Amino acid sequence: MKPKNFHLMYFSPTHTTRRILEEIAKGIGQETTTIIDITKSETRDRKPPVFGNDLVIMGAPVYSGRLPKHAAQYFAGLKAEGALAVPVVVYGNRAYDDALLELKDLAGKSGFIALAAGAFIGEHSFCSNEFGIAENRPDKEDLDKAFAFGRKIARILDGIGSLKDIKPLTVPGHFPYKEIVPRGPMDFIEVTDDCDGCGVCVAACPENAIDETKKYATLTERCIYCCACIKACPPGARIMKEGPLKGVAKTLSENCSARKEPETFMAGH
């Protein structure tokens, strides 16, 4: 079975999810029809296509064991008629909890048939020079495993005659999903005197949460704590302040240092 169109769809503020999905796509070896980057609201505000004879690799990072809110909302609004999906989540070496199940369920409710799924590791949003949490991941080993996962998907596609041949896909997780505990606005980013006004942080932020007119201060009511602006800042002028989130980063660096490996799941297994 060969889908007519092949799409990558991802929410990826710090680009780790994008890198994993691109490597899976290389392994599948089918030319990508479209890339739908839903990181920015401009894309999420546009009506997505209805997917038919398509294969969609859809991915998002894990935030506290669940999907990012705006990514979940977009995935919930998709429409498919017999299209195939490969749900993928990327987490920062702690746990992916219910996020992969959540993404698979959203795909199913939208009409997709899940062919395979994966949970990969990427550098944690709170990783810094001070607190290493899955630093520099995905690394070569992770990307090799993503490519190999893509090759497995390609072999499955070759062995399928019709959609009826696809058996149910089972992934870890619990329903009801892990409760999302509201944090409320939190002022946790400091802009130091090293800021040169380049504006890279503004482009990096997925929620338009940086105010250029106020010395590139973060609009806390919009911030989703992805730290994309911190990681993207060329002079390193954006840093995490002392406070609760820095305490979380410290705890994660102490308790989640043992390397975890990607997990993949195939329909019928």
Protein backbone atom coordinates (compact mmCIF):
# COMPACT_ATOMS: atom_id res chain seq x y z
CA MET A 1 0.00 0.00 0.00
CA LYS A 2 1.39 3.37 -0.96
CA PRO A 3 -0.40 6.52 0.21
CA LYS A 4 -0.71 9.19 -2.45
CA ASN A 5 0.45 12.03 -0.18
CA PHE A 6 2.92 12.14 2.70
CA HIS A 7 2.77 14.92 5.28
CA LEU A 8 4.79 16.01 8.31
CA MET A 9 2.83 17.90 10.95
CA TYR A 10 4.47 19.14 14.13
CA PHE A 11 4.45 21.55 17.04
CA SER A 12 8.14 22.12 17.79
CA PRO A 13 9.25 25.33 19.55
CA THR A 14 12.83 24.14 20.15
CA HIS A 15 13.02 22.02 16.95
CA THR A 16 13.60 18.64 18.63
CA THR A 17 10.26 17.19 17.49
CA ARG A 18 10.87 18.48 13.97
CA ARG A 19 14.26 16.79 13.80
CA ILE A 20 12.83 13.45 14.91
CA LEU A 21 9.97 13.58 12.40
CA GLU A 22 12.31 14.54 9.56
CA GLU A 23 14.50 11.53 10.32
CA ILE A 24 11.50 9.18 10.43
CA ALA A 25 10.47 10.56 7.05
CA LYS A 26 13.91 9.83 5.64
CA GLY A 27 13.56 6.25 6.81
CA ILE A 28 10.17 5.85 5.14
CA GLY A 29 11.77 7.09 1.93
CA GLN A 30 8.65 8.64 0.43
CA GLU A 31 8.79 12.18 -0.89
CA THR A 32 7.15 14.63 1.51
CA THR A 33 4.11 16.35 -0.01
CA THR A 34 3.69 19.06 2.61
CA ILE A 35 5.19 20.19 5.91
CA ILE A 36 2.62 21.64 8.30
CA ASP A 37 4.44 23.45 11.10
CA ILE A 38 1.77 24.29 13.67
CA THR A 39 4.21 25.86 16.13
CA LYS A 40 3.07 29.35 15.20
CA SER A 41 -0.51 30.52 15.65
CA GLU A 42 -0.56 31.81 12.06
CA THR A 43 -0.59 28.21 10.82
CA ARG A 44 -2.94 26.94 13.50
CA ASP A 45 -5.44 29.64 12.57
CA ARG A 46 -5.66 28.37 9.00
CA LYS A 47 -8.13 25.60 8.23
CA PRO A 48 -6.25 22.30 7.69
CA PRO A 49 -6.94 20.12 4.67
CA VAL A 50 -9.11 17.01 4.85
CA PHE A 51 -6.81 14.01 4.64
CA GLY A 52 -7.75 11.09 2.40
CA ASN A 53 -5.24 8.76 0.76
CA ASP A 54 -2.50 10.20 2.95
CA LEU A 55 0.11 9.29 5.53
CA VAL A 56 0.61 11.92 8.23
CA ILE A 57 3.44 11.79 10.75
CA MET A 58 2.20 14.05 13.53
CA GLY A 59 4.34 15.09 16.48
CA ALA A 60 4.53 17.29 19.54
CA PRO A 61 6.63 17.69 22.69
CA VAL A 62 5.42 16.47 26.07
CA TYR A 63 4.62 19.15 28.65
CA SER A 64 4.09 17.72 32.15
CA GLY A 65 2.94 14.39 30.74
CA ARG A 66 0.43 15.80 28.24
CA LEU A 67 0.34 17.48 24.85
CA PRO A 68 0.75 21.27 24.64
CA LYS A 69 -2.73 22.80 24.78
CA HIS A 70 -2.68 24.57 21.43
CA ALA A 71 -1.19 21.55 19.66
CA ALA A 72 -3.89 19.30 21.11
CA GLN A 73 -6.59 21.72 20.00
CA TYR A 74 -5.24 21.70 16.44
CA PHE A 75 -4.98 17.91 16.27
CA ALA A 76 -8.54 17.64 17.62
CA GLY A 77 -9.77 19.76 14.72
CA LEU A 78 -8.32 17.60 11.95
CA LYS A 79 -10.52 15.62 9.57
CA ALA A 80 -9.50 12.39 7.87
CA GLU A 81 -11.24 9.83 5.70
CA GLY A 82 -9.20 6.65 5.71
CA ALA A 83 -5.84 8.40 6.13
CA LEU A 84 -2.95 6.84 8.04
CA ALA A 85 -1.25 8.48 10.99
CA VAL A 86 1.99 7.96 12.90
CA PRO A 87 1.70 9.79 16.26
CA VAL A 88 5.04 10.78 17.80
CA VAL A 89 5.84 12.56 21.05
CA VAL A 90 9.19 13.89 22.27
CA TYR A 91 9.95 14.24 25.97
CA GLY A 92 12.82 15.51 28.09
CA ASN A 93 14.03 12.24 29.66
CA ARG A 94 11.55 12.22 32.56
CA ALA A 95 8.42 10.45 31.23
CA TYR A 96 5.86 10.85 28.49
CA ASP A 97 3.01 9.69 30.76
CA ASP A 98 -0.27 9.93 28.79
CA ALA A 99 0.86 12.19 25.93
CA LEU A 100 1.32 9.47 23.30
CA LEU A 101 -2.04 7.90 24.10
CA GLU A 102 -3.62 11.35 23.96
CA LEU A 103 -2.18 12.01 20.50
CA LYS A 104 -3.19 8.58 19.21
CA ASP A 105 -6.72 9.06 20.55
CA LEU A 106 -7.02 12.51 18.96
CA ALA A 107 -5.89 11.07 15.63
CA GLY A 108 -8.45 8.28 15.90
CA LYS A 109 -11.28 10.66 16.76
CA SER A 110 -10.34 12.73 13.69
CA GLY A 111 -10.71 9.69 11.43
CA PHE A 112 -7.09 8.56 11.11
CA ILE A 113 -5.96 4.96 11.33
CA ALA A 114 -2.82 4.72 13.47
CA LEU A 115 -0.16 2.63 11.76
CA ALA A 116 2.66 3.08 14.28
CA ALA A 117 3.68 5.43 17.09
CA GLY A 118 6.80 6.51 18.92
CA ALA A 119 8.12 8.30 21.98
CA PHE A 120 11.54 9.88 21.54
CA ILE A 121 13.81 11.96 23.74
CA GLY A 122 14.80 15.58 23.16
CA GLU A 123 16.68 18.12 25.22
CA HIS A 124 14.39 19.30 28.00
CA SER A 125 13.02 22.84 27.73
CA PHE A 126 14.59 23.65 31.10
CA CYS A 127 18.03 22.29 30.15
CA SER A 128 20.80 24.89 30.53
CA ASN A 129 24.53 25.19 31.13
CA GLU A 130 23.71 25.00 34.82
CA PHE A 131 21.29 22.08 34.71
CA GLY A 132 21.78 19.39 32.09
CA ILE A 133 18.56 17.51 31.24
CA ALA A 134 18.85 15.30 28.15
CA GLU A 135 21.42 17.76 26.84
CA ASN A 136 21.98 17.77 23.06
CA ARG A 137 19.34 15.17 22.38
CA PRO A 138 18.24 13.93 19.97
CA ASP A 139 21.80 12.79 19.32
CA LYS A 140 23.11 10.57 16.51
CA GLU A 141 21.91 7.43 18.25
CA ASP A 142 18.40 8.87 18.63
CA LEU A 143 18.29 9.97 15.00
CA ASP A 144 19.50 6.56 13.83
CA LYS A 145 16.65 4.96 15.77
CA ALA A 146 14.18 7.41 14.25
CA PHE A 147 15.44 6.47 10.78
CA ALA A 148 15.15 2.76 11.61
CA PHE A 149 11.59 3.36 12.82
CA GLY A 150 10.82 4.93 9.47
CA ARG A 151 12.24 1.89 7.68
CA LYS A 152 9.92 -0.37 9.73
CA ILE A 153 6.96 1.77 8.74
CA ALA A 154 7.96 1.49 5.08
CA ARG A 155 8.07 -2.31 5.35
CA ILE A 156 4.64 -2.37 6.98
CA LEU A 157 3.24 -0.24 4.18
CA ASP A 158 4.69 -2.64 1.61
CA GLY A 159 2.91 -5.53 3.31
CA ILE A 160 -0.53 -3.93 3.53
CA GLY A 161 -3.07 -4.56 0.79
CA SER A 162 -5.85 -2.39 2.19
CA LEU A 163 -6.83 -0.45 5.29
CA LYS A 164 -8.68 -3.54 6.55
CA ASP A 165 -5.32 -5.28 6.97
CA ILE A 166 -4.22 -2.83 9.68
CA LYS A 167 -4.65 -4.17 13.19
CA PRO A 168 -5.27 -1.97 16.25
CA LEU A 169 -2.34 -0.04 17.70
CA THR A 170 -1.74 -0.11 21.45
CA VAL A 171 0.46 2.43 23.24
CA PRO A 172 1.19 3.11 26.94
CA GLY A 173 -0.90 5.59 28.87
CA HIS A 174 -4.00 5.92 31.00
CA PHE A 175 -7.45 7.37 30.51
CA PRO A 176 -8.61 9.66 32.01
CA TYR A 177 -5.35 11.36 31.14
CA LYS A 178 -3.04 12.88 33.70
CA GLU A 179 -4.61 16.04 35.07
CA ILE A 180 -3.09 19.30 33.85
CA VAL A 181 -2.34 21.42 36.90
CA PRO A 182 -2.73 25.14 36.04
CA ARG A 183 0.41 27.12 36.87
CA GLY A 184 -0.88 30.57 36.12
CA PRO A 185 1.33 33.36 34.75
CA MET A 186 4.88 33.06 36.01
CA ASP A 187 7.64 35.64 35.54
CA PHE A 188 10.65 33.35 35.23
CA ILE A 189 12.79 34.84 32.42
CA GLU A 190 15.29 37.61 32.98
CA VAL A 191 16.66 39.69 30.10
CA THR A 192 20.21 40.74 30.93
CA ASP A 193 22.26 43.69 29.70
CA ASP A 194 23.77 41.37 27.07
CA CYS A 195 20.60 41.78 24.98
CA ASP A 196 21.50 43.49 21.70
CA GLY A 197 17.94 43.81 20.40
CA CYS A 198 18.40 41.34 17.55
CA GLY A 199 14.81 40.09 17.83
CA VAL A 200 15.65 36.40 17.38
CA CYS A 201 13.65 35.62 20.51
CA VAL A 202 10.55 37.21 19.00
CA ALA A 203 10.77 34.96 15.96
CA ALA A 204 11.42 31.89 18.12
CA CYS A 205 8.45 32.35 20.45
CA PRO A 206 5.44 30.26 19.36
CA GLU A 207 2.93 32.34 21.31
CA ASN A 208 3.94 35.93 20.41
CA ALA A 209 4.78 36.37 24.08
CA ILE A 210 7.71 38.78 23.79
CA ASP A 211 7.23 42.55 23.88
CA GLU A 212 9.84 44.34 21.77
CA THR A 213 8.71 47.68 23.12
CA LYS A 214 9.53 46.72 26.71
CA LYS A 215 13.13 45.55 26.33
CA TYR A 216 11.99 42.14 25.03
CA ALA A 217 10.18 41.30 28.26
CA THR A 218 8.05 38.15 28.35
CA LEU A 219 4.28 38.53 28.42
CA THR A 220 3.71 36.02 31.20
CA GLU A 221 0.02 35.51 30.46
CA ARG A 222 0.93 34.10 27.03
CA CYS A 223 4.09 32.16 27.92
CA ILE A 224 3.90 28.34 27.73
CA TYR A 225 7.33 27.78 29.39
CA CYS A 226 8.84 26.19 26.27
CA CYS A 227 12.04 28.25 26.70
CA ALA A 228 12.47 28.52 22.93
CA CYS A 229 13.46 32.16 23.37
CA ILE A 230 16.18 31.26 25.89
CA LYS A 231 17.66 28.57 23.65
CA ALA A 232 17.52 30.77 20.54
CA CYS A 233 19.09 33.93 22.02
CA PRO A 234 22.48 34.43 20.26
CA PRO A 235 24.21 36.36 23.09
CA GLY A 236 22.61 34.24 25.82
CA ALA A 237 20.88 37.29 27.26
CA ARG A 238 17.71 35.46 28.27
CA ILE A 239 18.14 33.36 31.40
CA MET A 240 15.94 31.59 33.91
CA LYS A 241 15.43 33.54 37.13
CA GLU A 242 15.72 32.08 40.59
CA GLY A 243 12.30 30.70 41.48
CA PRO A 244 9.97 27.69 41.21
CA LEU A 245 10.78 26.74 37.60
CA LYS A 246 14.50 26.91 38.20
CA GLY A 247 13.88 24.64 41.19
CA VAL A 248 12.08 22.21 38.87
CA ALA A 249 15.06 22.30 36.49
CA LYS A 250 17.42 21.48 39.35
CA THR A 251 15.25 18.57 40.50
CA LEU A 252 14.98 17.16 36.98
CA SER A 253 18.74 17.38 36.45
CA GLU A 254 19.28 15.43 39.67
CA ASN A 255 16.57 12.79 39.21
CA CYS A 256 16.37 12.28 35.44
CA SER A 257 20.02 11.92 34.50
CA ALA A 258 19.89 8.20 33.55
CA ARG A 259 19.61 7.97 29.78
CA LYS A 260 16.24 6.81 28.45
CA GLU A 261 15.83 5.38 24.98
CA PRO A 262 13.14 5.83 22.31
CA GLU A 263 10.16 3.50 22.33
CA THR A 264 8.27 2.55 19.19
CA PHE A 265 5.01 0.72 18.67
CA MET A 266 3.60 -0.96 15.56
CA ALA A 267 -0.01 -1.81 14.76
CA GLY A 268 -0.86 -5.36 15.76
CA HIS A 269 2.08 -5.75 18.16
